[in-house]
N, C-alpha and C. Protein backbone atom coordinates (compact mmCIF):
# COMPACT_ATOMS: atom_id res chain seq x y z
N MET A 1 114.07 102.92 95.92
CA MET A 1 112.68 102.66 94.87
C MET A 1 113.63 101.83 93.73
N ASN A 2 112.95 101.05 93.15
CA ASN A 2 113.45 100.20 92.11
C ASN A 2 113.26 101.85 90.65
N THR A 3 114.99 101.21 90.41
CA THR A 3 114.30 102.60 89.49
C THR A 3 113.26 101.65 88.08
N MET A 4 113.58 100.53 87.64
CA MET A 4 112.00 100.51 86.40
C MET A 4 111.24 100.56 87.11
N LEU A 5 110.95 99.89 88.39
CA LEU A 5 109.18 100.70 88.63
C LEU A 5 108.81 102.29 88.76
N LYS A 6 109.96 102.92 89.36
CA LYS A 6 109.75 104.43 88.54
C LYS A 6 109.15 104.56 87.08
N THR A 7 110.64 104.43 86.64
CA THR A 7 110.45 104.77 85.15
C THR A 7 109.09 104.00 85.13
N ALA A 8 108.24 102.94 85.31
CA ALA A 8 107.24 102.56 84.39
C ALA A 8 105.62 103.66 85.25
N ILE A 9 106.18 103.95 86.10
CA ILE A 9 104.58 104.55 86.61
C ILE A 9 104.79 106.44 86.29
N VAL A 10 105.89 106.44 85.91
CA VAL A 10 105.75 107.76 85.18
C VAL A 10 105.78 107.50 83.17
N ASP A 11 106.10 106.31 82.79
CA ASP A 11 105.49 105.52 81.62
C ASP A 11 104.46 105.89 81.68
N ALA A 12 103.84 105.40 82.73
CA ALA A 12 102.44 104.68 82.56
C ALA A 12 101.60 106.79 82.78
N VAL A 13 101.73 107.63 83.28
CA VAL A 13 101.47 108.33 83.71
C VAL A 13 101.27 109.56 82.32
N ASP A 14 102.51 108.93 81.80
CA ASP A 14 102.50 110.73 80.22
C ASP A 14 101.62 109.00 79.48
N MET A 15 101.58 108.33 79.19
CA MET A 15 100.35 107.44 78.59
C MET A 15 99.30 107.78 79.00
N VAL A 16 98.33 107.68 80.53
CA VAL A 16 97.04 107.79 80.23
C VAL A 16 97.02 109.56 80.08
N ASN A 17 98.02 110.70 79.56
CA ASN A 17 97.65 112.10 79.68
C ASN A 17 97.16 111.93 78.22
N SER A 18 98.43 110.92 77.99
CA SER A 18 98.38 111.69 76.36
C SER A 18 96.89 110.34 75.31
N HIS A 19 96.53 109.38 76.44
CA HIS A 19 95.96 109.00 75.39
C HIS A 19 94.35 108.59 76.87
N ALA A 20 94.03 109.68 77.62
CA ALA A 20 93.20 109.95 78.11
C ALA A 20 91.64 109.41 77.42
N GLY A 21 90.99 108.22 79.14
CA GLY A 21 90.27 107.46 78.88
C GLY A 21 90.56 106.07 77.53
N GLN A 22 91.39 105.86 77.29
CA GLN A 22 92.25 104.93 76.44
C GLN A 22 92.94 103.92 76.99
N THR A 23 93.22 104.32 78.38
CA THR A 23 94.90 103.63 78.75
C THR A 23 94.13 102.63 79.51
N ARG A 24 94.46 101.33 79.85
CA ARG A 24 94.16 100.57 80.46
C ARG A 24 95.61 100.38 82.11
N VAL A 25 94.94 100.40 83.26
CA VAL A 25 95.93 100.17 84.22
C VAL A 25 95.81 99.53 84.97
N LEU A 26 96.93 98.94 85.47
CA LEU A 26 97.01 97.98 86.38
C LEU A 26 97.73 97.79 87.48
N MET A 27 97.51 98.02 88.14
CA MET A 27 98.54 98.59 89.10
C MET A 27 98.67 97.51 90.53
N ARG A 28 99.36 96.93 91.05
CA ARG A 28 99.19 96.69 92.83
C ARG A 28 100.40 97.31 93.95
N PHE A 29 99.34 97.64 95.23
CA PHE A 29 100.21 97.84 96.08
C PHE A 29 100.71 96.49 96.59
N VAL A 30 101.86 97.03 97.45
CA VAL A 30 102.72 96.29 98.19
C VAL A 30 102.08 94.87 98.98
N ASP A 31 101.08 96.16 100.22
CA ASP A 31 100.21 95.40 100.68
C ASP A 31 99.15 94.53 100.23
N ASP A 32 98.61 94.76 98.91
CA ASP A 32 97.38 94.48 98.70
C ASP A 32 97.94 93.77 96.77
N PRO A 33 97.87 92.01 97.65
CA PRO A 33 98.01 91.75 96.10
C PRO A 33 97.56 91.85 95.16
N THR A 34 96.22 91.89 95.73
CA THR A 34 94.53 91.53 94.53
C THR A 34 95.35 92.43 93.10
N GLY A 35 95.78 93.63 93.69
CA GLY A 35 95.92 94.88 92.24
C GLY A 35 95.06 95.35 91.96
N TYR A 36 94.78 96.77 91.26
CA TYR A 36 93.10 97.29 90.81
C TYR A 36 93.53 97.01 88.98
N ASP A 37 92.41 97.68 88.23
CA ASP A 37 92.64 97.32 86.91
C ASP A 37 91.65 98.21 86.21
N PHE A 38 91.76 98.99 85.84
CA PHE A 38 90.79 100.34 85.34
C PHE A 38 91.56 101.09 83.87
N ILE A 39 90.71 102.15 83.74
CA ILE A 39 90.25 102.88 82.88
C ILE A 39 90.81 104.17 82.90
N ALA A 40 91.83 104.51 82.80
CA ALA A 40 92.24 105.86 83.45
C ALA A 40 92.08 107.84 82.66
N ASN A 41 91.54 108.65 82.52
CA ASN A 41 91.29 109.26 82.39
C ASN A 41 91.95 110.47 82.79
N ALA A 42 93.09 110.18 83.49
CA ALA A 42 93.70 111.60 83.90
C ALA A 42 94.64 110.77 84.87
N ALA A 43 96.13 111.47 85.00
CA ALA A 43 97.37 110.88 85.84
C ALA A 43 97.78 112.54 86.38
N ARG A 44 98.85 112.01 87.20
CA ARG A 44 99.69 113.30 87.97
C ARG A 44 100.33 112.43 88.91
N ILE A 45 102.33 112.75 88.96
CA ILE A 45 102.83 112.52 89.92
C ILE A 45 103.52 113.48 89.88
N HIS A 46 104.10 113.48 91.73
CA HIS A 46 104.49 115.18 91.91
C HIS A 46 105.10 114.84 93.24
N GLY A 47 106.73 114.73 92.94
CA GLY A 47 107.69 113.95 93.98
C GLY A 47 107.26 112.77 94.40
N GLY A 48 107.08 112.49 95.18
CA GLY A 48 106.56 110.98 95.65
C GLY A 48 105.53 110.19 95.77
N LEU A 49 104.70 110.99 95.08
CA LEU A 49 103.10 110.86 94.99
C LEU A 49 102.50 110.25 93.50
N PHE A 50 102.02 109.94 94.02
CA PHE A 50 101.22 110.07 92.05
C PHE A 50 99.51 109.53 92.44
N GLU A 51 98.61 110.14 91.66
CA GLU A 51 96.89 109.30 91.48
C GLU A 51 96.86 110.00 90.09
N PHE A 52 96.08 108.35 89.95
CA PHE A 52 94.90 108.23 88.45
C PHE A 52 93.70 108.64 88.97
N GLN A 53 93.06 109.42 87.59
CA GLN A 53 91.96 108.84 88.11
C GLN A 53 91.36 108.19 86.57
N ALA A 54 89.65 107.98 87.21
CA ALA A 54 88.96 106.84 86.65
C ALA A 54 88.06 106.88 86.90
N GLY A 55 87.18 107.59 86.63
CA GLY A 55 85.81 107.92 86.36
C GLY A 55 85.70 109.01 87.73
N PHE A 56 84.88 108.40 88.53
CA PHE A 56 84.08 108.92 89.99
C PHE A 56 85.42 108.57 90.72
N ASP A 57 86.27 107.26 90.40
CA ASP A 57 87.24 107.21 91.46
C ASP A 57 88.65 107.15 91.14
N SER A 58 89.70 107.56 91.93
CA SER A 58 91.52 107.71 92.25
C SER A 58 91.70 107.28 92.58
N TYR A 59 92.46 106.26 92.02
CA TYR A 59 93.78 105.74 92.92
C TYR A 59 94.72 106.19 92.98
N SER A 60 95.41 106.67 94.38
CA SER A 60 96.41 107.58 94.71
C SER A 60 97.56 106.46 95.88
N GLY A 61 98.56 107.20 95.78
CA GLY A 61 99.70 106.97 97.18
C GLY A 61 100.83 107.17 97.14
N SER A 62 101.95 106.86 97.44
CA SER A 62 103.26 107.18 97.85
C SER A 62 103.91 105.52 96.32
N LEU A 63 104.97 105.96 95.83
CA LEU A 63 105.71 105.18 94.80
C LEU A 63 106.53 104.26 95.42
N ASP A 64 106.54 105.07 96.92
CA ASP A 64 107.28 103.90 97.52
C ASP A 64 105.88 102.51 98.37
N GLU A 65 105.14 102.76 97.85
CA GLU A 65 103.65 101.55 97.77
C GLU A 65 103.35 100.79 97.01
N LEU A 66 103.60 101.14 96.02
CA LEU A 66 103.49 99.79 94.60
C LEU A 66 104.60 99.37 94.46
N SER A 67 104.39 97.57 94.07
CA SER A 67 105.09 96.82 93.71
C SER A 67 105.08 96.68 92.05
N GLU A 68 103.86 97.19 91.36
CA GLU A 68 103.69 96.89 89.94
C GLU A 68 102.87 97.72 89.70
N ILE A 69 103.15 98.01 88.28
CA ILE A 69 102.25 98.90 87.26
C ILE A 69 102.58 98.34 86.28
N LYS A 70 101.19 98.62 85.61
CA LYS A 70 101.44 98.10 83.71
C LYS A 70 100.34 99.25 83.37
N ALA A 71 100.89 99.95 82.12
CA ALA A 71 99.56 100.62 81.40
C ALA A 71 99.38 99.78 80.09
N GLU A 72 98.77 99.77 79.22
CA GLU A 72 98.20 99.79 77.85
C GLU A 72 97.46 100.30 77.48
N LEU A 73 97.80 100.99 76.03
CA LEU A 73 96.58 101.53 75.25
C LEU A 73 95.60 100.80 74.75
N ILE A 74 94.25 100.96 75.07
CA ILE A 74 92.87 100.04 74.62
C ILE A 74 93.00 100.27 72.75
N LYS A 75 92.79 98.83 72.40
CA LYS A 75 92.70 98.81 70.85
C LYS A 75 90.99 98.83 70.57
N ARG A 76 91.27 99.97 70.12
CA ARG A 76 90.02 99.75 69.36
C ARG A 76 89.99 99.60 68.10
């Protein structure tokens, strides 16, 4: 796995957990170029797996399945 991508995933998880409900996450999977854009409430990473909670929805998978991830704090 790309070291920069793994760092971006860890940073996104940390940002979501520090600013629950105020972090916008955009992620793209290797096999799905359309991507997902959501406001995350909680996140976790364990070993090679990740999970983001967004309301009643959950976005999860293997770190190797992601091609891109971005997280940004929502400005109020």
